[in-house]
Amino acid sequence: DLRPGNGYYVRMPSTRPLAAITGASAGIGAVFARKLAARG
């Protein structure tokens, strides 16, 4: 579940590593997001 809060979705406790990406809405940033999600 993704729970809304304070203008963005709050990440719930997770054992997966965390990656932060700026300019993530399109192009290279969106591809980084997809490939990092696929990597866990």
ModelCIF file with pLDDT and N, C-alpha, C, O atoms, coordinates in Angstrom:
data_MODEL
#
_entry.id   MODEL 
#
_entity.id                         1 
_entity.type                       polymer 
_entity.pdbx_number_of_molecules   1 
#
_entity_poly.entity_id                      1 
_entity_poly.type                           'polypeptide(L)' 
_entity_poly.nstd_linkage                   no 
_entity_poly.nstd_monomer                   no 
_entity_poly.pdbx_seq_one_letter_code       DLRPGNGYYVRMPSTRPLAAITGASAGIGAVFARKLAARG 
_entity_poly.pdbx_seq_one_letter_code_can   DLRPGNGYYVRMPSTRPLAAITGASAGIGAVFARKLAARG 
_entity_poly.pdbx_strand_id                 A 
#
loop_
_entity_poly_seq.entity_id 
_entity_poly_seq.num 
_entity_poly_seq.mon_id 
_entity_poly_seq.hetero 
1 1  ASP n 
1 2  LEU n 
1 3  ARG n 
1 4  PRO n 
1 5  GLY n 
1 6  ASN n 
1 7  GLY n 
1 8  TYR n 
1 9  TYR n 
1 10 VAL n 
1 11 ARG n 
1 12 MET n 
1 13 PRO n 
1 14 SER n 
1 15 THR n 
1 16 ARG n 
1 17 PRO n 
1 18 LEU n 
1 19 ALA n 
1 20 ALA n 
1 21 ILE n 
1 22 THR n 
1 23 GLY n 
1 24 ALA n 
1 25 SER n 
1 26 ALA n 
1 27 GLY n 
1 28 ILE n 
1 29 GLY n 
1 30 ALA n 
1 31 VAL n 
1 32 PHE n 
1 33 ALA n 
1 34 ARG n 
1 35 LYS n 
1 36 LEU n 
1 37 ALA n 
1 38 ALA n 
1 39 ARG n 
1 40 GLY n 
#
_struct_asym.id          A 
_struct_asym.entity_id   1 
#
loop_
_ma_qa_metric.id 
_ma_qa_metric.mode 
_ma_qa_metric.name 
_ma_qa_metric.software_group_id 
_ma_qa_metric.type 
1 global pLDDT . pLDDT 
2 local  pLDDT . pLDDT 
#
_ma_qa_metric_global.metric_id      1 
_ma_qa_metric_global.metric_value   80.00 
_ma_qa_metric_global.model_id       1 
_ma_qa_metric_global.ordinal_id     1 
#
loop_
_ma_qa_metric_local.label_asym_id 
_ma_qa_metric_local.label_comp_id 
_ma_qa_metric_local.label_seq_id 
_ma_qa_metric_local.metric_id 
_ma_qa_metric_local.metric_value 
_ma_qa_metric_local.model_id 
_ma_qa_metric_local.ordinal_id 
A ASP 1  2 37.00 1 1  
A LEU 2  2 41.00 1 2  
A ARG 3  2 43.00 1 3  
A PRO 4  2 44.00 1 4  
A GLY 5  2 42.00 1 5  
A ASN 6  2 38.00 1 6  
A GLY 7  2 40.00 1 7  
A TYR 8  2 44.00 1 8  
A TYR 9  2 51.00 1 9  
A VAL 10 2 53.00 1 10 
A ARG 11 2 55.00 1 11 
A MET 12 2 62.00 1 12 
A PRO 13 2 66.00 1 13 
A SER 14 2 76.00 1 14 
A THR 15 2 84.00 1 15 
A ARG 16 2 94.00 1 16 
A PRO 17 2 96.00 1 17 
A LEU 18 2 98.00 1 18 
A ALA 19 2 98.00 1 19 
A ALA 20 2 98.00 1 20 
A ILE 21 2 98.00 1 21 
A THR 22 2 98.00 1 22 
A GLY 23 2 97.00 1 23 
A ALA 24 2 97.00 1 24 
A SER 25 2 95.00 1 25 
A ALA 26 2 94.00 1 26 
A GLY 27 2 94.00 1 27 
A ILE 28 2 96.00 1 28 
A GLY 29 2 97.00 1 29 
A ALA 30 2 97.00 1 30 
A VAL 31 2 97.00 1 31 
A PHE 32 2 98.00 1 32 
A ALA 33 2 98.00 1 33 
A ARG 34 2 98.00 1 34 
A LYS 35 2 98.00 1 35 
A LEU 36 2 98.00 1 36 
A ALA 37 2 98.00 1 37 
A ALA 38 2 98.00 1 38 
A ARG 39 2 97.00 1 39 
A GLY 40 2 97.00 1 40 
#
loop_
_atom_site.group_PDB 
_atom_site.id 
_atom_site.type_symbol 
_atom_site.label_atom_id 
_atom_site.label_alt_id 
_atom_site.label_comp_id 
_atom_site.label_asym_id 
_atom_site.label_entity_id 
_atom_site.label_seq_id 
_atom_site.pdbx_PDB_ins_code 
_atom_site.Cartn_x 
_atom_site.Cartn_y 
_atom_site.Cartn_z 
_atom_site.occupancy 
_atom_site.B_iso_or_equiv 
_atom_site.pdbx_formal_charge 
_atom_site.auth_seq_id 
_atom_site.auth_comp_id 
_atom_site.auth_asym_id 
_atom_site.auth_atom_id 
_atom_site.pdbx_PDB_model_num 
ATOM 1   N N  . ASP A 1 1  ? 0.838  -1.198 0.000   1.00 37.00 ? 1  ASP A N  1 
ATOM 2   C CA . ASP A 1 1  ? 0.000  0.000  0.000   1.00 37.00 ? 1  ASP A CA 1 
ATOM 3   C C  . ASP A 1 1  ? 0.874  1.250  0.000   1.00 37.00 ? 1  ASP A C  1 
ATOM 4   O O  . ASP A 1 1  ? 1.934  1.283  0.626   1.00 37.00 ? 1  ASP A O  1 
ATOM 5   N N  . LEU A 1 2  ? 0.417  2.270  -0.705  1.00 41.00 ? 2  LEU A N  1 
ATOM 6   C CA . LEU A 1 2  ? 1.050  3.578  -0.668  1.00 41.00 ? 2  LEU A CA 1 
ATOM 7   C C  . LEU A 1 2  ? 0.070  4.530  0.008   1.00 41.00 ? 2  LEU A C  1 
ATOM 8   O O  . LEU A 1 2  ? -1.027 4.751  -0.505  1.00 41.00 ? 2  LEU A O  1 
ATOM 9   N N  . ARG A 1 3  ? 0.442  5.082  1.127   1.00 43.00 ? 3  ARG A N  1 
ATOM 10  C CA . ARG A 1 3  ? -0.471 5.915  1.901   1.00 43.00 ? 3  ARG A CA 1 
ATOM 11  C C  . ARG A 1 3  ? -0.143 7.391  1.679   1.00 43.00 ? 3  ARG A C  1 
ATOM 12  O O  . ARG A 1 3  ? 1.011  7.789  1.831   1.00 43.00 ? 3  ARG A O  1 
ATOM 13  N N  . PRO A 1 4  ? -1.132 8.209  1.322   1.00 44.00 ? 4  PRO A N  1 
ATOM 14  C CA . PRO A 1 4  ? -0.859 9.628  1.076   1.00 44.00 ? 4  PRO A CA 1 
ATOM 15  C C  . PRO A 1 4  ? -0.607 10.379 2.370   1.00 44.00 ? 4  PRO A C  1 
ATOM 16  O O  . PRO A 1 4  ? -1.187 10.074 3.413   1.00 44.00 ? 4  PRO A O  1 
ATOM 17  N N  . GLY A 1 5  ? 0.281  11.377 2.276   1.00 42.00 ? 5  GLY A N  1 
ATOM 18  C CA . GLY A 1 5  ? 0.539  12.213 3.439   1.00 42.00 ? 5  GLY A CA 1 
ATOM 19  C C  . GLY A 1 5  ? 1.411  13.393 3.103   1.00 42.00 ? 5  GLY A C  1 
ATOM 20  O O  . GLY A 1 5  ? 2.463  13.230 2.484   1.00 42.00 ? 5  GLY A O  1 
ATOM 21  N N  . ASN A 1 6  ? 0.993  14.590 3.500   1.00 38.00 ? 6  ASN A N  1 
ATOM 22  C CA . ASN A 1 6  ? 1.786  15.799 3.334   1.00 38.00 ? 6  ASN A CA 1 
ATOM 23  C C  . ASN A 1 6  ? 2.219  16.060 1.894   1.00 38.00 ? 6  ASN A C  1 
ATOM 24  O O  . ASN A 1 6  ? 3.327  16.539 1.653   1.00 38.00 ? 6  ASN A O  1 
ATOM 25  N N  . GLY A 1 7  ? 1.360  15.751 0.952   1.00 40.00 ? 7  GLY A N  1 
ATOM 26  C CA . GLY A 1 7  ? 1.652  16.102 -0.426  1.00 40.00 ? 7  GLY A CA 1 
ATOM 27  C C  . GLY A 1 7  ? 2.409  15.063 -1.208  1.00 40.00 ? 7  GLY A C  1 
ATOM 28  O O  . GLY A 1 7  ? 2.667  15.258 -2.395  1.00 40.00 ? 7  GLY A O  1 
ATOM 29  N N  . TYR A 1 8  ? 2.774  13.960 -0.576  1.00 44.00 ? 8  TYR A N  1 
ATOM 30  C CA . TYR A 1 8  ? 3.427  12.883 -1.303  1.00 44.00 ? 8  TYR A CA 1 
ATOM 31  C C  . TYR A 1 8  ? 3.072  11.557 -0.633  1.00 44.00 ? 8  TYR A C  1 
ATOM 32  O O  . TYR A 1 8  ? 2.507  11.524 0.460   1.00 44.00 ? 8  TYR A O  1 
ATOM 33  N N  . TYR A 1 9  ? 3.415  10.475 -1.311  1.00 51.00 ? 9  TYR A N  1 
ATOM 34  C CA . TYR A 1 9  ? 3.129  9.166  -0.746  1.00 51.00 ? 9  TYR A CA 1 
ATOM 35  C C  . TYR A 1 9  ? 4.238  8.773  0.219   1.00 51.00 ? 9  TYR A C  1 
ATOM 36  O O  . TYR A 1 9  ? 5.420  8.961  -0.072  1.00 51.00 ? 9  TYR A O  1 
ATOM 37  N N  . VAL A 1 10 ? 3.858  8.234  1.354   1.00 53.00 ? 10 VAL A N  1 
ATOM 38  C CA . VAL A 1 10 ? 4.818  7.868  2.389   1.00 53.00 ? 10 VAL A CA 1 
ATOM 39  C C  . VAL A 1 10 ? 5.204  6.406  2.239   1.00 53.00 ? 10 VAL A C  1 
ATOM 40  O O  . VAL A 1 10 ? 4.340  5.534  2.142   1.00 53.00 ? 10 VAL A O  1 
ATOM 41  N N  . ARG A 1 11 ? 6.492  6.143  2.220   1.00 55.00 ? 11 ARG A N  1 
ATOM 42  C CA . ARG A 1 11 ? 6.987  4.774  2.107   1.00 55.00 ? 11 ARG A CA 1 
ATOM 43  C C  . ARG A 1 11 ? 6.838  4.074  3.447   1.00 55.00 ? 11 ARG A C  1 
ATOM 44  O O  . ARG A 1 11 ? 7.289  4.571  4.479   1.00 55.00 ? 11 ARG A O  1 
ATOM 45  N N  . MET A 1 12 ? 6.205  2.928  3.414   1.00 62.00 ? 12 MET A N  1 
ATOM 46  C CA . MET A 1 12 ? 6.016  2.151  4.626   1.00 62.00 ? 12 MET A CA 1 
ATOM 47  C C  . MET A 1 12 ? 7.278  1.331  4.902   1.00 62.00 ? 12 MET A C  1 
ATOM 48  O O  . MET A 1 12 ? 8.113  1.187  4.009   1.00 62.00 ? 12 MET A O  1 
ATOM 49  N N  . PRO A 1 13 ? 7.442  0.785  6.126   1.00 66.00 ? 13 PRO A N  1 
ATOM 50  C CA . PRO A 1 13 ? 8.644  0.006  6.438   1.00 66.00 ? 13 PRO A CA 1 
ATOM 51  C C  . PRO A 1 13 ? 8.885  -1.092 5.408   1.00 66.00 ? 13 PRO A C  1 
ATOM 52  O O  . PRO A 1 13 ? 7.961  -1.802 5.012   1.00 66.00 ? 13 PRO A O  1 
ATOM 53  N N  . SER A 1 14 ? 10.124 -1.218 4.986   1.00 76.00 ? 14 SER A N  1 
ATOM 54  C CA . SER A 1 14 ? 10.464 -2.147 3.910   1.00 76.00 ? 14 SER A CA 1 
ATOM 55  C C  . SER A 1 14 ? 11.895 -2.610 4.082   1.00 76.00 ? 14 SER A C  1 
ATOM 56  O O  . SER A 1 14 ? 12.723 -1.887 4.636   1.00 76.00 ? 14 SER A O  1 
ATOM 57  N N  . THR A 1 15 ? 12.191 -3.800 3.613   1.00 84.00 ? 15 THR A N  1 
ATOM 58  C CA . THR A 1 15 ? 13.559 -4.318 3.661   1.00 84.00 ? 15 THR A CA 1 
ATOM 59  C C  . THR A 1 15 ? 14.298 -4.059 2.350   1.00 84.00 ? 15 THR A C  1 
ATOM 60  O O  . THR A 1 15 ? 15.478 -4.392 2.237   1.00 84.00 ? 15 THR A O  1 
ATOM 61  N N  . ARG A 1 16 ? 13.632 -3.478 1.368   1.00 94.00 ? 16 ARG A N  1 
ATOM 62  C CA . ARG A 1 16 ? 14.268 -3.203 0.085   1.00 94.00 ? 16 ARG A CA 1 
ATOM 63  C C  . ARG A 1 16 ? 15.165 -1.971 0.197   1.00 94.00 ? 16 ARG A C  1 
ATOM 64  O O  . ARG A 1 16 ? 14.830 -1.032 0.919   1.00 94.00 ? 16 ARG A O  1 
ATOM 65  N N  . PRO A 1 17 ? 16.313 -1.958 -0.515  1.00 96.00 ? 17 PRO A N  1 
ATOM 66  C CA . PRO A 1 17 ? 17.141 -0.748 -0.532  1.00 96.00 ? 17 PRO A CA 1 
ATOM 67  C C  . PRO A 1 17 ? 16.386 0.400  -1.191  1.00 96.00 ? 17 PRO A C  1 
ATOM 68  O O  . PRO A 1 17 ? 15.460 0.187  -1.974  1.00 96.00 ? 17 PRO A O  1 
ATOM 69  N N  . LEU A 1 18 ? 16.802 1.624  -0.857  1.00 98.00 ? 18 LEU A N  1 
ATOM 70  C CA . LEU A 1 18 ? 16.078 2.812  -1.297  1.00 98.00 ? 18 LEU A CA 1 
ATOM 71  C C  . LEU A 1 18 ? 16.928 3.629  -2.270  1.00 98.00 ? 18 LEU A C  1 
ATOM 72  O O  . LEU A 1 18 ? 18.102 3.895  -2.012  1.00 98.00 ? 18 LEU A O  1 
ATOM 73  N N  . ALA A 1 19 ? 16.319 4.024  -3.393  1.00 98.00 ? 19 ALA A N  1 
ATOM 74  C CA . ALA A 1 19 ? 16.978 4.890  -4.371  1.00 98.00 ? 19 ALA A CA 1 
ATOM 75  C C  . ALA A 1 19 ? 16.162 6.148  -4.561  1.00 98.00 ? 19 ALA A C  1 
ATOM 76  O O  . ALA A 1 19 ? 14.941 6.080  -4.702  1.00 98.00 ? 19 ALA A O  1 
ATOM 77  N N  . ALA A 1 20 ? 16.821 7.302  -4.568  1.00 98.00 ? 20 ALA A N  1 
ATOM 78  C CA . ALA A 1 20 ? 16.167 8.591  -4.804  1.00 98.00 ? 20 ALA A CA 1 
ATOM 79  C C  . ALA A 1 20 ? 16.582 9.104  -6.177  1.00 98.00 ? 20 ALA A C  1 
ATOM 80  O O  . ALA A 1 20 ? 17.763 9.078  -6.524  1.00 98.00 ? 20 ALA A O  1 
ATOM 81  N N  . ILE A 1 21 ? 15.612 9.568  -6.955  1.00 98.00 ? 21 ILE A N  1 
ATOM 82  C CA . ILE A 1 21 ? 15.869 9.992  -8.336  1.00 98.00 ? 21 ILE A CA 1 
ATOM 83  C C  . ILE A 1 21 ? 15.206 11.336 -8.568  1.00 98.00 ? 21 ILE A C  1 
ATOM 84  O O  . ILE A 1 21 ? 14.006 11.485 -8.334  1.00 98.00 ? 21 ILE A O  1 
ATOM 85  N N  . THR A 1 22 ? 15.969 12.315 -9.025  1.00 98.00 ? 22 THR A N  1 
ATOM 86  C CA . THR A 1 22 ? 15.386 13.585 -9.418  1.00 98.00 ? 22 THR A CA 1 
ATOM 87  C C  . THR A 1 22 ? 15.128 13.567 -10.931 1.00 98.00 ? 22 THR A C  1 
ATOM 88  O O  . THR A 1 22 ? 15.772 12.831 -11.678 1.00 98.00 ? 22 THR A O  1 
ATOM 89  N N  . GLY A 1 23 ? 14.179 14.387 -11.357 1.00 97.00 ? 23 GLY A N  1 
ATOM 90  C CA . GLY A 1 23 ? 13.798 14.365 -12.766 1.00 97.00 ? 23 GLY A CA 1 
ATOM 91  C C  . GLY A 1 23 ? 13.261 13.015 -13.177 1.00 97.00 ? 23 GLY A C  1 
ATOM 92  O O  . GLY A 1 23 ? 13.541 12.528 -14.272 1.00 97.00 ? 23 GLY A O  1 
ATOM 93  N N  . ALA A 1 24 ? 12.478 12.405 -12.282 1.00 97.00 ? 24 ALA A N  1 
ATOM 94  C CA . ALA A 1 24 ? 12.049 11.013 -12.471 1.00 97.00 ? 24 ALA A CA 1 
ATOM 95  C C  . ALA A 1 24 ? 10.800 10.868 -13.322 1.00 97.00 ? 24 ALA A C  1 
ATOM 96  O O  . ALA A 1 24 ? 10.375 9.745  -13.592 1.00 97.00 ? 24 ALA A O  1 
ATOM 97  N N  . SER A 1 25 ? 10.205 11.960 -13.749 1.00 95.00 ? 25 SER A N  1 
ATOM 98  C CA . SER A 1 25 ? 8.903  11.870 -14.423 1.00 95.00 ? 25 SER A CA 1 
ATOM 99  C C  . SER A 1 25 ? 8.992  11.436 -15.872 1.00 95.00 ? 25 SER A C  1 
ATOM 100 O O  . SER A 1 25 ? 7.977  11.060 -16.458 1.00 95.00 ? 25 SER A O  1 
ATOM 101 N N  . ALA A 1 26 ? 10.185 11.475 -16.476 1.00 94.00 ? 26 ALA A N  1 
ATOM 102 C CA . ALA A 1 26 ? 10.302 11.133 -17.898 1.00 94.00 ? 26 ALA A CA 1 
ATOM 103 C C  . ALA A 1 26 ? 11.756 10.835 -18.229 1.00 94.00 ? 26 ALA A C  1 
ATOM 104 O O  . ALA A 1 26 ? 12.653 11.054 -17.415 1.00 94.00 ? 26 ALA A O  1 
ATOM 105 N N  . GLY A 1 27 ? 11.973 10.328 -19.445 1.00 94.00 ? 27 GLY A N  1 
ATOM 106 C CA . GLY A 1 27 ? 13.323 10.180 -19.980 1.00 94.00 ? 27 GLY A CA 1 
ATOM 107 C C  . GLY A 1 27 ? 14.230 9.293  -19.159 1.00 94.00 ? 27 GLY A C  1 
ATOM 108 O O  . GLY A 1 27 ? 13.818 8.242  -18.669 1.00 94.00 ? 27 GLY A O  1 
ATOM 109 N N  . ILE A 1 28 ? 15.477 9.730  -19.013 1.00 96.00 ? 28 ILE A N  1 
ATOM 110 C CA . ILE A 1 28 ? 16.497 8.953  -18.312 1.00 96.00 ? 28 ILE A CA 1 
ATOM 111 C C  . ILE A 1 28 ? 16.089 8.697  -16.867 1.00 96.00 ? 28 ILE A C  1 
ATOM 112 O O  . ILE A 1 28 ? 16.326 7.608  -16.345 1.00 96.00 ? 28 ILE A O  1 
ATOM 113 N N  . GLY A 1 29 ? 15.478 9.685  -16.212 1.00 97.00 ? 29 GLY A N  1 
ATOM 114 C CA . GLY A 1 29 ? 15.069 9.510  -14.820 1.00 97.00 ? 29 GLY A CA 1 
ATOM 115 C C  . GLY A 1 29 ? 14.035 8.423  -14.645 1.00 97.00 ? 29 GLY A C  1 
ATOM 116 O O  . GLY A 1 29 ? 14.126 7.620  -13.716 1.00 97.00 ? 29 GLY A O  1 
ATOM 117 N N  . ALA A 1 30 ? 13.039 8.386  -15.539 1.00 97.00 ? 30 ALA A N  1 
ATOM 118 C CA . ALA A 1 30 ? 12.010 7.346  -15.450 1.00 97.00 ? 30 ALA A CA 1 
ATOM 119 C C  . ALA A 1 30 ? 12.598 5.969  -15.729 1.00 97.00 ? 30 ALA A C  1 
ATOM 120 O O  . ALA A 1 30 ? 12.186 4.984  -15.116 1.00 97.00 ? 30 ALA A O  1 
ATOM 121 N N  . VAL A 1 31 ? 13.555 5.893  -16.646 1.00 97.00 ? 31 VAL A N  1 
ATOM 122 C CA . VAL A 1 31 ? 14.198 4.603  -16.934 1.00 97.00 ? 31 VAL A CA 1 
ATOM 123 C C  . VAL A 1 31 ? 15.023 4.149  -15.739 1.00 97.00 ? 31 VAL A C  1 
ATOM 124 O O  . VAL A 1 31 ? 15.010 2.967  -15.395 1.00 97.00 ? 31 VAL A O  1 
ATOM 125 N N  . PHE A 1 32 ? 15.742 5.069  -15.100 1.00 98.00 ? 32 PHE A N  1 
ATOM 126 C CA . PHE A 1 32 ? 16.447 4.707  -13.861 1.00 98.00 ? 32 PHE A CA 1 
ATOM 127 C C  . PHE A 1 32 ? 15.461 4.126  -12.844 1.00 98.00 ? 32 PHE A C  1 
ATOM 128 O O  . PHE A 1 32 ? 15.751 3.115  -12.203 1.00 98.00 ? 32 PHE A O  1 
ATOM 129 N N  . ALA A 1 33 ? 14.301 4.763  -12.699 1.00 98.00 ? 33 ALA A N  1 
ATOM 130 C CA . ALA A 1 33 ? 13.317 4.293  -11.718 1.00 98.00 ? 33 ALA A CA 1 
ATOM 131 C C  . ALA A 1 33 ? 12.856 2.879  -12.049 1.00 98.00 ? 33 ALA A C  1 
ATOM 132 O O  . ALA A 1 33 ? 12.797 2.022  -11.167 1.00 98.00 ? 33 ALA A O  1 
ATOM 133 N N  . ARG A 1 34 ? 12.533 2.635  -13.301 1.00 98.00 ? 34 ARG A N  1 
ATOM 134 C CA . ARG A 1 34 ? 12.047 1.301  -13.686 1.00 98.00 ? 34 ARG A CA 1 
ATOM 135 C C  . ARG A 1 34 ? 13.115 0.235  -13.481 1.00 98.00 ? 34 ARG A C  1 
ATOM 136 O O  . ARG A 1 34 ? 12.822 -0.852 -12.982 1.00 98.00 ? 34 ARG A O  1 
ATOM 137 N N  . LYS A 1 35 ? 14.343 0.540  -13.860 1.00 98.00 ? 35 LYS A N  1 
ATOM 138 C CA . LYS A 1 35 ? 15.405 -0.463 -13.753 1.00 98.00 ? 35 LYS A CA 1 
ATOM 139 C C  . LYS A 1 35 ? 15.822 -0.689 -12.301 1.00 98.00 ? 35 LYS A C  1 
ATOM 140 O O  . LYS A 1 35 ? 16.151 -1.814 -11.925 1.00 98.00 ? 35 LYS A O  1 
ATOM 141 N N  . LEU A 1 36 ? 15.812 0.358  -11.486 1.00 98.00 ? 36 LEU A N  1 
ATOM 142 C CA . LEU A 1 36 ? 16.135 0.171  -10.069 1.00 98.00 ? 36 LEU A CA 1 
ATOM 143 C C  . LEU A 1 36 ? 15.025 -0.585 -9.344  1.00 98.00 ? 36 LEU A C  1 
ATOM 144 O O  . LEU A 1 36 ? 15.303 -1.398 -8.463  1.00 98.00 ? 36 LEU A O  1 
ATOM 145 N N  . ALA A 1 37 ? 13.767 -0.323 -9.708  1.00 98.00 ? 37 ALA A N  1 
ATOM 146 C CA . ALA A 1 37 ? 12.667 -1.092 -9.124  1.00 98.00 ? 37 ALA A CA 1 
ATOM 147 C C  . ALA A 1 37 ? 12.786 -2.563 -9.496  1.00 98.00 ? 37 ALA A C  1 
ATOM 148 O O  . ALA A 1 37 ? 12.555 -3.441 -8.665  1.00 98.00 ? 37 ALA A O  1 
ATOM 149 N N  . ALA A 1 38 ? 13.150 -2.832 -10.759 1.00 98.00 ? 38 ALA A N  1 
ATOM 150 C CA . ALA A 1 38 ? 13.330 -4.216 -11.202 1.00 98.00 ? 38 ALA A CA 1 
ATOM 151 C C  . ALA A 1 38 ? 14.491 -4.888 -10.473 1.00 98.00 ? 38 ALA A C  1 
ATOM 152 O O  . ALA A 1 38 ? 14.506 -6.110 -10.328 1.00 98.00 ? 38 ALA A O  1 
ATOM 153 N N  . ARG A 1 39 ? 15.461 -4.102 -10.015 1.00 97.00 ? 39 ARG A N  1 
ATOM 154 C CA . ARG A 1 39 ? 16.602 -4.641 -9.270  1.00 97.00 ? 39 ARG A CA 1 
ATOM 155 C C  . ARG A 1 39 ? 16.302 -4.786 -7.782  1.00 97.00 ? 39 ARG A C  1 
ATOM 156 O O  . ARG A 1 39 ? 17.168 -5.202 -7.013  1.00 97.00 ? 39 ARG A O  1 
ATOM 157 N N  . GLY A 1 40 ? 15.083 -4.448 -7.373  1.00 97.00 ? 40 GLY A N  1 
ATOM 158 C CA . GLY A 1 40 ? 14.687 -4.672 -5.987  1.00 97.00 ? 40 GLY A CA 1 
ATOM 159 C C  . GLY A 1 40 ? 14.702 -3.448 -5.094  1.00 97.00 ? 40 GLY A C  1 
ATOM 160 O O  . GLY A 1 40 ? 14.383 -3.544 -3.910  1.00 97.00 ? 40 GLY A O  1 
#
